[in-house]
PDB file of N, CA and C in Angstrom:
ATOM      1  N   MET A   1      22.876  -2.064  17.937  1.00  0.00           N
ATOM      2  CA  MET A   1      23.861  -2.819  18.674  1.00  0.00           C
ATOM      3  C   MET A   1      24.844  -3.410  17.681  1.00  0.00           C
ATOM      4  N   THR A   2      26.109  -3.333  18.048  1.00  0.00           N
ATOM      5  CA  THR A   2      27.158  -3.867  17.190  1.00  0.00           C
ATOM      6  C   THR A   2      27.602  -5.206  17.728  1.00  0.00           C
ATOM      7  N   ILE A   3      27.725  -6.160  16.814  1.00  0.00           N
ATOM      8  CA  ILE A   3      28.212  -7.488  17.193  1.00  0.00           C
ATOM      9  C   ILE A   3      29.670  -7.554  16.795  1.00  0.00           C
ATOM     10  N   TYR A   4      30.523  -7.906  17.737  1.00  0.00           N
ATOM     11  CA  TYR A   4      31.959  -7.893  17.515  1.00  0.00           C
ATOM     12  C   TYR A   4      32.535  -9.267  17.214  1.00  0.00           C
ATOM     13  N   GLY A   5      31.742 -10.254  17.162  1.00  0.00           N
ATOM     14  CA  GLY A   5      32.253 -11.591  16.912  1.00  0.00           C
ATOM     15  C   GLY A   5      32.944 -12.128  18.150  1.00  0.00           C
ATOM     16  N   SER A   6      34.086 -12.755  17.968  1.00  0.00           N
ATOM     17  CA  SER A   6      34.784 -13.347  19.099  1.00  0.00           C
ATOM     18  C   SER A   6      35.716 -12.344  19.783  1.00  0.00           C
ATOM     19  N   LYS A   7      35.910 -11.173  19.169  1.00  0.00           N
ATOM     20  CA  LYS A   7      36.811 -10.181  19.740  1.00  0.00           C
ATOM     21  C   LYS A   7      35.989  -9.151  20.538  1.00  0.00           C
ATOM     22  N   PRO A   8      36.309  -8.954  21.820  1.00  0.00           N
ATOM     23  CA  PRO A   8      35.573  -7.957  22.599  1.00  0.00           C
ATOM     24  C   PRO A   8      35.970  -6.547  22.149  1.00  0.00           C
ATOM     25  N   PRO A   9      35.105  -5.569  22.366  1.00  0.00           N
ATOM     26  CA  PRO A   9      35.438  -4.207  21.968  1.00  0.00           C
ATOM     27  C   PRO A   9      36.616  -3.669  22.784  1.00  0.00           C
ATOM     28  N   ASP A  10      37.449  -2.865  22.130  1.00  0.00           N
ATOM     29  CA  ASP A  10      38.572  -2.281  22.872  1.00  0.00           C
ATOM     30  C   ASP A  10      38.089  -1.056  23.648  1.00  0.00           C
ATOM     31  N   SER A  11      38.891  -0.608  24.589  1.00  0.00           N
ATOM     32  CA  SER A  11      38.472   0.464  25.488  1.00  0.00           C
ATOM     33  C   SER A  11      38.262   1.781  24.752  1.00  0.00           C
ATOM     34  N   LYS A  12      38.991   2.002  23.671  1.00  0.00           N
ATOM     35  CA  LYS A  12      38.830   3.241  22.911  1.00  0.00           C
ATOM     36  C   LYS A  12      37.439   3.304  22.284  1.00  0.00           C
ATOM     37  N   ASP A  13      36.983   2.197  21.732  1.00  0.00           N
ATOM     38  CA  ASP A  13      35.665   2.150  21.102  1.00  0.00           C
ATOM     39  C   ASP A  13      34.561   2.365  22.146  1.00  0.00           C
ATOM     40  N   ILE A  14      34.705   1.768  23.312  1.00  0.00           N
ATOM     41  CA  ILE A  14      33.713   1.933  24.387  1.00  0.00           C
ATOM     42  C   ILE A  14      33.676   3.392  24.836  1.00  0.00           C
ATOM     43  N   TYR A  15      34.839   4.013  24.960  1.00  0.00           N
ATOM     44  CA  TYR A  15      34.907   5.408  25.384  1.00  0.00           C
ATOM     45  C   TYR A  15      34.203   6.312  24.379  1.00  0.00           C
ATOM     46  N   ILE A  16      34.445   6.109  23.105  1.00  0.00           N
ATOM     47  CA  ILE A  16      33.830   6.942  22.056  1.00  0.00           C
ATOM     48  C   ILE A  16      32.313   6.782  22.078  1.00  0.00           C
ATOM     49  N   ARG A  17      31.813   5.547  22.179  1.00  0.00           N
ATOM     50  CA  ARG A  17      30.370   5.338  22.214  1.00  0.00           C
ATOM     51  C   ARG A  17      29.753   5.969  23.454  1.00  0.00           C
ATOM     52  N   THR A  18      30.436   5.907  24.576  1.00  0.00           N
ATOM     53  CA  THR A  18      29.936   6.504  25.805  1.00  0.00           C
ATOM     54  C   THR A  18      29.854   8.015  25.676  1.00  0.00           C
ATOM     55  N   GLN A  19      30.867   8.618  25.082  1.00  0.00           N
ATOM     56  CA  GLN A  19      30.878  10.071  24.924  1.00  0.00           C
ATOM     57  C   GLN A  19      29.747  10.531  24.016  1.00  0.00           C
ATOM     58  N   LYS A  20      29.495   9.797  22.940  1.00  0.00           N
ATOM     59  CA  LYS A  20      28.406  10.165  22.030  1.00  0.00           C
ATOM     60  C   LYS A  20      27.062  10.104  22.763  1.00  0.00           C
ATOM     61  N   THR A  21      26.846   9.056  23.514  1.00  0.00           N
ATOM     62  CA  THR A  21      25.594   8.900  24.249  1.00  0.00           C
ATOM     63  C   THR A  21      25.436  10.000  25.297  1.00  0.00           C
ATOM     64  N   THR A  22      26.505  10.310  26.013  1.00  0.00           N
ATOM     65  CA  THR A  22      26.460  11.336  27.047  1.00  0.00           C
ATOM     66  C   THR A  22      26.156  12.695  26.448  1.00  0.00           C
ATOM     67  N   ARG A  23      26.760  13.019  25.327  1.00  0.00           N
ATOM     68  CA  ARG A  23      26.512  14.312  24.681  1.00  0.00           C
ATOM     69  C   ARG A  23      25.058  14.430  24.246  1.00  0.00           C
ATOM     70  N   LYS A  24      24.500  13.360  23.680  1.00  0.00           N
ATOM     71  CA  LYS A  24      23.104  13.394  23.258  1.00  0.00           C
ATOM     72  C   LYS A  24      22.190  13.629  24.454  1.00  0.00           C
ATOM     73  N   ASP A  25      22.468  12.938  25.557  1.00  0.00           N
ATOM     74  CA  ASP A  25      21.653  13.097  26.762  1.00  0.00           C
ATOM     75  C   ASP A  25      21.747  14.525  27.310  1.00  0.00           C
ATOM     76  N   ASP A  26      22.952  15.117  27.299  1.00  0.00           N
ATOM     77  CA  ASP A  26      23.134  16.484  27.787  1.00  0.00           C
ATOM     78  C   ASP A  26      22.349  17.473  26.939  1.00  0.00           C
ATOM     79  N   VAL A  27      22.413  17.313  25.627  1.00  0.00           N
ATOM     80  CA  VAL A  27      21.698  18.222  24.729  1.00  0.00           C
ATOM     81  C   VAL A  27      20.196  18.092  24.932  1.00  0.00           C
ATOM     82  N   GLN A  28      19.701  16.867  25.064  1.00  0.00           N
ATOM     83  CA  GLN A  28      18.274  16.659  25.283  1.00  0.00           C
ATOM     84  C   GLN A  28      17.827  17.241  26.616  1.00  0.00           C
ATOM     85  N   ALA A  29      18.639  17.123  27.629  1.00  0.00           N
ATOM     86  CA  ALA A  29      18.292  17.662  28.946  1.00  0.00           C
ATOM     87  C   ALA A  29      18.219  19.184  28.891  1.00  0.00           C
ATOM     88  N   LYS A  30      19.157  19.812  28.186  1.00  0.00           N
ATOM     89  CA  LYS A  30      19.147  21.265  28.070  1.00  0.00           C
ATOM     90  C   LYS A  30      17.919  21.742  27.315  1.00  0.00           C
ATOM     91  N   LYS A  31      17.584  21.049  26.239  1.00  0.00           N
ATOM     92  CA  LYS A  31      16.402  21.430  25.469  1.00  0.00           C
ATOM     93  C   LYS A  31      15.135  21.255  26.304  1.00  0.00           C
ATOM     94  N   GLY A  32      15.066  20.170  27.074  1.00  0.00           N
ATOM     95  CA  GLY A  32      13.903  19.922  27.922  1.00  0.00           C
ATOM     96  C   GLY A  32      13.737  21.003  28.980  1.00  0.00           C
ATOM     97  N   ALA A  33      14.842  21.452  29.559  1.00  0.00           N
ATOM     98  CA  ALA A  33      14.782  22.499  30.577  1.00  0.00           C
ATOM     99  C   ALA A  33      14.346  23.819  29.965  1.00  0.00           C
ATOM    100  N   GLU A  34      14.816  24.117  28.754  1.00  0.00           N
ATOM    101  CA  GLU A  34      14.432  25.364  28.082  1.00  0.00           C
ATOM    102  C   GLU A  34      12.944  25.367  27.743  1.00  0.00           C
ATOM    103  N   LYS A  35      12.444  24.242  27.289  1.00  0.00           N
ATOM    104  CA  LYS A  35      11.037  24.157  26.902  1.00  0.00           C
ATOM    105  C   LYS A  35      10.116  24.245  28.114  1.00  0.00           C
ATOM    106  N   SER A  36      10.505  23.628  29.206  1.00  0.00           N
ATOM    107  CA  SER A  36       9.616  23.606  30.373  1.00  0.00           C
ATOM    108  C   SER A  36       9.596  24.939  31.106  1.00  0.00           C
ATOM    109  N   GLY A  37      10.594  25.783  30.882  1.00  0.00           N
ATOM    110  CA  GLY A  37      10.631  27.092  31.518  1.00  0.00           C
ATOM    111  C   GLY A  37      10.932  27.021  33.004  1.00  0.00           C
ATOM    112  N   VAL A  38      11.494  25.920  33.446  1.00  0.00           N
ATOM    113  CA  VAL A  38      11.825  25.747  34.850  1.00  0.00           C
ATOM    114  C   VAL A  38      13.103  26.522  35.152  1.00  0.00           C
ATOM    115  N   ALA A  39      13.035  27.333  36.185  1.00  0.00           N
ATOM    116  CA  ALA A  39      14.208  28.113  36.579  1.00  0.00           C
ATOM    117  C   ALA A  39      14.761  27.572  37.888  1.00  0.00           C
ATOM    118  N   ASP A  40      15.985  27.952  38.196  1.00  0.00           N
ATOM    119  CA  ASP A  40      16.567  27.561  39.475  1.00  0.00           C
ATOM    120  C   ASP A  40      15.787  28.229  40.600  1.00  0.00           C
ATOM    121  N   LYS A  41      15.707  27.543  41.717  1.00  0.00           N
ATOM    122  CA  LYS A  41      14.910  28.037  42.825  1.00  0.00           C
ATOM    123  C   LYS A  41      15.649  27.760  44.128  1.00  0.00           C
ATOM    124  N   VAL A  42      15.624  28.722  45.023  1.00  0.00           N
ATOM    125  CA  VAL A  42      16.256  28.569  46.326  1.00  0.00           C
ATOM    126  C   VAL A  42      15.196  28.738  47.396  1.00  0.00           C
ATOM    127  N   ASP A  43      15.112  27.776  48.300  1.00  0.00           N
ATOM    128  CA  ASP A  43      14.185  27.856  49.429  1.00  0.00           C
ATOM    129  C   ASP A  43      15.006  27.978  50.702  1.00  0.00           C
ATOM    130  N   ILE A  44      14.683  28.996  51.497  1.00  0.00           N
ATOM    131  CA  ILE A  44      15.343  29.175  52.777  1.00  0.00           C
ATOM    132  C   ILE A  44      14.434  28.577  53.834  1.00  0.00           C
ATOM    133  N   SER A  45      14.998  27.708  54.633  1.00  0.00           N
ATOM    134  CA  SER A  45      14.181  27.021  55.628  1.00  0.00           C
ATOM    135  C   SER A  45      13.673  28.003  56.680  1.00  0.00           C
ATOM    136  N   SER A  46      12.628  27.606  57.353  1.00  0.00           N
ATOM    137  CA  SER A  46      12.053  28.466  58.393  1.00  0.00           C
ATOM    138  C   SER A  46      13.041  28.653  59.535  1.00  0.00           C
ATOM    139  N   ARG A  47      13.866  27.670  59.777  1.00  0.00           N
ATOM    140  CA  ARG A  47      14.883  27.765  60.831  1.00  0.00           C
ATOM    141  C   ARG A  47      15.881  28.878  60.502  1.00  0.00           C
ATOM    142  N   THR A  48      16.264  28.991  59.254  1.00  0.00           N
ATOM    143  CA  THR A  48      17.185  30.041  58.838  1.00  0.00           C
ATOM    144  C   THR A  48      16.546  31.406  59.015  1.00  0.00           C
ATOM    145  N   LYS A  49      15.258  31.512  58.699  1.00  0.00           N
ATOM    146  CA  LYS A  49      14.549  32.778  58.887  1.00  0.00           C
ATOM    147  C   LYS A  49      14.509  33.165  60.354  1.00  0.00           C
ATOM    148  N   GLU A  50      14.278  32.181  61.228  1.00  0.00           N
ATOM    149  CA  GLU A  50      14.267  32.445  62.664  1.00  0.00           C
ATOM    150  C   GLU A  50      15.626  32.949  63.140  1.00  0.00           C
ATOM    151  N   ILE A  51      16.674  32.332  62.647  1.00  0.00           N
ATOM    152  CA  ILE A  51      18.029  32.733  63.034  1.00  0.00           C
ATOM    153  C   ILE A  51      18.296  34.166  62.606  1.00  0.00           C
ATOM    154  N   GLU A  52      17.883  34.526  61.402  1.00  0.00           N
ATOM    155  CA  GLU A  52      18.083  35.893  60.918  1.00  0.00           C
ATOM    156  C   GLU A  52      17.318  36.897  61.778  1.00  0.00           C
ATOM    157  N   GLU A  53      16.086  36.548  62.158  1.00  0.00           N
ATOM    158  CA  GLU A  53      15.299  37.431  63.024  1.00  0.00           C
ATOM    159  C   GLU A  53      15.973  37.608  64.380  1.00  0.00           C
ATOM    160  N   LEU A  54      16.499  36.524  64.943  1.00  0.00           N
ATOM    161  CA  LEU A  54      17.189  36.598  66.226  1.00  0.00           C
ATOM    162  C   LEU A  54      18.463  37.441  66.127  1.00  0.00           C
ATOM    163  N   LYS A  55      19.167  37.332  65.021  1.00  0.00           N
ATOM    164  CA  LYS A  55      20.361  38.155  64.816  1.00  0.00           C
ATOM    165  C   LYS A  55      19.998  39.639  64.831  1.00  0.00           C
ATOM    166  N   GLN A  56      18.883  39.974  64.193  1.00  0.00           N
ATOM    167  CA  GLN A  56      18.447  41.378  64.167  1.00  0.00           C
ATOM    168  C   GLN A  56      18.110  41.866  65.575  1.00  0.00           C
ATOM    169  N   VAL A  57      17.438  41.021  66.371  1.00  0.00           N
ATOM    170  CA  VAL A  57      17.096  41.397  67.739  1.00  0.00           C
ATOM    171  C   VAL A  57      18.373  41.594  68.562  1.00  0.00           C
ATOM    172  N   ILE A  58      19.322  40.694  68.417  1.00  0.00           N
ATOM    173  CA  ILE A  58      20.582  40.796  69.157  1.00  0.00           C
ATOM    174  C   ILE A  58      21.332  42.058  68.767  1.00  0.00           C
ATOM    175  N   ASN A  59      21.348  42.378  67.485  1.00  0.00           N
ATOM    176  CA  ASN A  59      22.045  43.577  67.028  1.00  0.00           C
ATOM    177  C   ASN A  59      21.411  44.859  67.575  1.00  0.00           C
ATOM    178  N   GLN A  60      20.140  44.809  67.946  1.00  0.00           N
ATOM    179  CA  GLN A  60      19.469  45.983  68.481  1.00  0.00           C
ATOM    180  C   GLN A  60      19.703  46.159  69.985  1.00  0.00           C
ATOM    181  N   LEU A  61      20.235  45.129  70.643  1.00  0.00           N
ATOM    182  CA  LEU A  61      20.511  45.233  72.070  1.00  0.00           C
ATOM    183  C   LEU A  61      21.684  46.184  72.306  1.00  0.00           C
ATOM    184  N   PRO A  62      21.651  46.919  73.419  1.00  0.00           N
ATOM    185  CA  PRO A  62      22.752  47.838  73.700  1.00  0.00           C
ATOM    186  C   PRO A  62      24.027  47.069  74.049  1.00  0.00           C
ATOM    187  N   ASP A  63      25.174  47.680  73.737  1.00  0.00           N
ATOM    188  CA  ASP A  63      26.455  47.057  74.055  1.00  0.00           C
ATOM    189  C   ASP A  63      26.738  47.103  75.550  1.00  0.00           C
ATOM    190  N   ILE A  64      26.215  48.109  76.228  1.00  0.00           N
ATOM    191  CA  ILE A  64      26.446  48.283  77.657  1.00  0.00           C
ATOM    192  C   ILE A  64      25.137  48.050  78.402  1.00  0.00           C
ATOM    193  N   ARG A  65      25.189  47.202  79.412  1.00  0.00           N
ATOM    194  CA  ARG A  65      24.005  46.934  80.228  1.00  0.00           C
ATOM    195  C   ARG A  65      23.973  47.958  81.355  1.00  0.00           C
ATOM    196  N   ALA A  66      23.204  49.009  81.149  1.00  0.00           N
ATOM    197  CA  ALA A  66      23.169  50.145  82.073  1.00  0.00           C
ATOM    198  C   ALA A  66      22.747  49.729  83.474  1.00  0.00           C
ATOM    199  N   ASP A  67      21.803  48.796  83.596  1.00  0.00           N
ATOM    200  CA  ASP A  67      21.344  48.374  84.918  1.00  0.00           C
ATOM    201  C   ASP A  67      22.466  47.711  85.715  1.00  0.00           C
ATOM    202  N   LYS A  68      23.264  46.907  85.036  1.00  0.00           N
ATOM    203  CA  LYS A  68      24.371  46.229  85.710  1.00  0.00           C
ATOM    204  C   LYS A  68      25.458  47.234  86.109  1.00  0.00           C
ATOM    205  N   VAL A  69      25.746  48.176  85.217  1.00  0.00           N
ATOM    206  CA  VAL A  69      26.739  49.207  85.514  1.00  0.00           C
ATOM    207  C   VAL A  69      26.302  50.027  86.717  1.00  0.00           C
ATOM    208  N   LYS A  70      25.026  50.380  86.762  1.00  0.00           N
ATOM    209  CA  LYS A  70      24.504  51.183  87.874  1.00  0.00           C
ATOM    210  C   LYS A  70      24.617  50.425  89.199  1.00  0.00           C
ATOM    211  N   ALA A  71      24.292  49.138  89.182  1.00  0.00           N
ATOM    212  CA  ALA A  71      24.358  48.335  90.404  1.00  0.00           C
ATOM    213  C   ALA A  71      25.789  48.233  90.908  1.00  0.00           C
ATOM    214  N   ILE A  72      26.746  48.037  90.015  1.00  0.00           N
ATOM    215  CA  ILE A  72      28.152  47.943  90.423  1.00  0.00           C
ATOM    216  C   ILE A  72      28.648  49.295  90.923  1.00  0.00           C
ATOM    217  N   ARG A  73      28.274  50.361  90.240  1.00  0.00           N
ATOM    218  CA  ARG A  73      28.676  51.706  90.667  1.00  0.00           C
ATOM    219  C   ARG A  73      28.164  51.998  92.088  1.00  0.00           C
ATOM    220  N   ASN A  74      26.901  51.654  92.331  1.00  0.00           N
ATOM    221  CA  ASN A  74      26.329  51.865  93.671  1.00  0.00           C
ATOM    222  C   ASN A  74      27.067  51.043  94.738  1.00  0.00           C
ATOM    223  N   ALA A  75      27.388  49.781  94.399  1.00  0.00           N
ATOM    224  CA  ALA A  75      28.091  48.921  95.349  1.00  0.00           C
ATOM    225  C   ALA A  75      29.476  49.475  95.658  1.00  0.00           C
ATOM    226  N   ILE A  76      30.163  50.014  94.657  1.00  0.00           N
ATOM    227  CA  ILE A  76      31.492  50.603  94.871  1.00  0.00           C
ATOM    228  C   ILE A  76      31.373  51.835  95.771  1.00  0.00           C
ATOM    229  N   GLU A  77      30.394  52.685  95.480  1.00  0.00           N
ATOM    230  CA  GLU A  77      30.204  53.910  96.276  1.00  0.00           C
ATOM    231  C   GLU A  77      29.866  53.591  97.729  1.00  0.00           C
ATOM    232  N   GLU A  78      29.102  52.515  97.936  1.00  0.00           N
ATOM    233  CA  GLU A  78      28.703  52.130  99.294  1.00  0.00           C
ATOM    234  C   GLU A  78      29.792  51.324 100.004  1.00  0.00           C
ATOM    235  N   GLY A  79      30.785  50.872  99.233  1.00  0.00           N
ATOM    236  CA  GLY A  79      31.867  50.080  99.824  1.00  0.00           C
ATOM    237  C   GLY A  79      31.514  48.620 100.007  1.00  0.00           C
ATOM    238  N   THR A  80      30.469  48.161  99.354  1.00  0.00           N
ATOM    239  CA  THR A  80      30.046  46.764  99.498  1.00  0.00           C
ATOM    240  C   THR A  80      30.479  45.884  98.328  1.00  0.00           C
ATOM    241  N   TYR A  81      31.155  46.461  97.366  1.00  0.00           N
ATOM    242  CA  TYR A  81      31.579  45.688  96.176  1.00  0.00           C
ATOM    243  C   TYR A  81      32.813  44.874  96.532  1.00  0.00           C
ATOM    244  N   LYS A  82      32.723  43.575  96.365  1.00  0.00           N
ATOM    245  CA  LYS A  82      33.822  42.665  96.668  1.00  0.00           C
ATOM    246  C   LYS A  82      34.330  42.034  95.371  1.00  0.00           C
ATOM    247  N   VAL A  83      35.650  41.996  95.260  1.00  0.00           N
ATOM    248  CA  VAL A  83      36.275  41.393  94.086  1.00  0.00           C
ATOM    249  C   VAL A  83      36.740  39.993  94.463  1.00  0.00           C
ATOM    250  N   ASP A  84      36.294  39.002  93.703  1.00  0.00           N
ATOM    251  CA  ASP A  84      36.707  37.617  93.939  1.00  0.00           C
ATOM    252  C   ASP A  84      37.908  37.336  93.036  1.00  0.00           C
ATOM    253  N   SER A  85      39.111  37.417  93.601  1.00  0.00           N
ATOM    254  CA  SER A  85      40.331  37.278  92.809  1.00  0.00           C
ATOM    255  C   SER A  85      40.464  35.898  92.180  1.00  0.00           C
ATOM    256  N   LEU A  86      40.000  34.855  92.863  1.00  0.00           N
ATOM    257  CA  LEU A  86      40.068  33.503  92.294  1.00  0.00           C
ATOM    258  C   LEU A  86      39.163  33.369  91.074  1.00  0.00           C
ATOM    259  N   LYS A  87      38.014  33.989  91.146  1.00  0.00           N
ATOM    260  CA  LYS A  87      37.076  33.947  90.017  1.00  0.00           C
ATOM    261  C   LYS A  87      37.665  34.691  88.816  1.00  0.00           C
ATOM    262  N   ILE A  88      38.290  35.843  89.074  1.00  0.00           N
ATOM    263  CA  ILE A  88      38.915  36.619  87.999  1.00  0.00           C
ATOM    264  C   ILE A  88      40.067  35.833  87.375  1.00  0.00           C
ATOM    265  N   ALA A  89      40.906  35.221  88.231  1.00  0.00           N
ATOM    266  CA  ALA A  89      42.026  34.426  87.725  1.00  0.00           C
ATOM    267  C   ALA A  89      41.523  33.256  86.881  1.00  0.00           C
ATOM    268  N   GLY A  90      40.450  32.611  87.333  1.00  0.00           N
ATOM    269  CA  GLY A  90      39.873  31.498  86.565  1.00  0.00           C
ATOM    270  C   GLY A  90      39.386  31.937  85.199  1.00  0.00           C
ATOM    271  N   LYS A  91      38.735  33.096  85.146  1.00  0.00           N
ATOM    272  CA  LYS A  91      38.244  33.626  83.860  1.00  0.00           C
ATOM    273  C   LYS A  91      39.404  33.954  82.935  1.00  0.00           C
ATOM    274  N   ILE A  92      40.483  34.519  83.489  1.00  0.00           N
ATOM    275  CA  ILE A  92      41.666  34.841  82.676  1.00  0.00           C
ATOM    276  C   ILE A  92      42.260  33.552  82.098  1.00  0.00           C
ATOM    277  N   LEU A  93      42.363  32.534  82.921  1.00  0.00           N
ATOM    278  CA  LEU A  93      42.899  31.255  82.430  1.00  0.00           C
ATOM    279  C   LEU A  93      41.985  30.630  81.376  1.00  0.00           C
ATOM    280  N   ASP A  94      40.686  30.747  81.561  1.00  0.00           N
ATOM    281  CA  ASP A  94      39.739  30.234  80.558  1.00  0.00           C
ATOM    282  C   ASP A  94      39.945  30.926  79.216  1.00  0.00           C
ATOM    283  N   GLU A  95      40.209  32.221  79.249  1.00  0.00           N
ATOM    284  CA  GLU A  95      40.421  32.981  78.020  1.00  0.00           C
ATOM    285  C   GLU A  95      41.713  32.552  77.322  1.00  0.00           C
ATOM    286  N   LEU A  96      42.732  32.206  78.103  1.00  0.00           N
ATOM    287  CA  LEU A  96      44.018  31.814  77.532  1.00  0.00           C
ATOM    288  C   LEU A  96      44.001  30.425  76.928  1.00  0.00           C
ATOM    289  N   VAL A  97      43.149  29.577  77.429  1.00  0.00           N
ATOM    290  CA  VAL A  97      43.114  28.190  76.969  1.00  0.00           C
ATOM    291  C   VAL A  97      42.236  28.032  75.802  1.00  0.00           C
TER     292      VAL A  97
END
């Protein structure tokens, strides 16, 4: 410890002492990490694994739902298929907003 008498240390001196201390700590930390053989490690949470599994299941689903297409085709052929114009207009507006 340095005693400065009645004059307080100037900011330049404090900065230099801080830098020296910080450098020593950084070097010691690096040496400690090298000696311990500790490597970086990444853990993926179980929730992330579940999400990835669900993505794979979704990707395996067909793009076209054949059962729904068949039901609509049958309704059109039988003349029982009704188009709700208000519902269609609402969906179009939802897409625009």
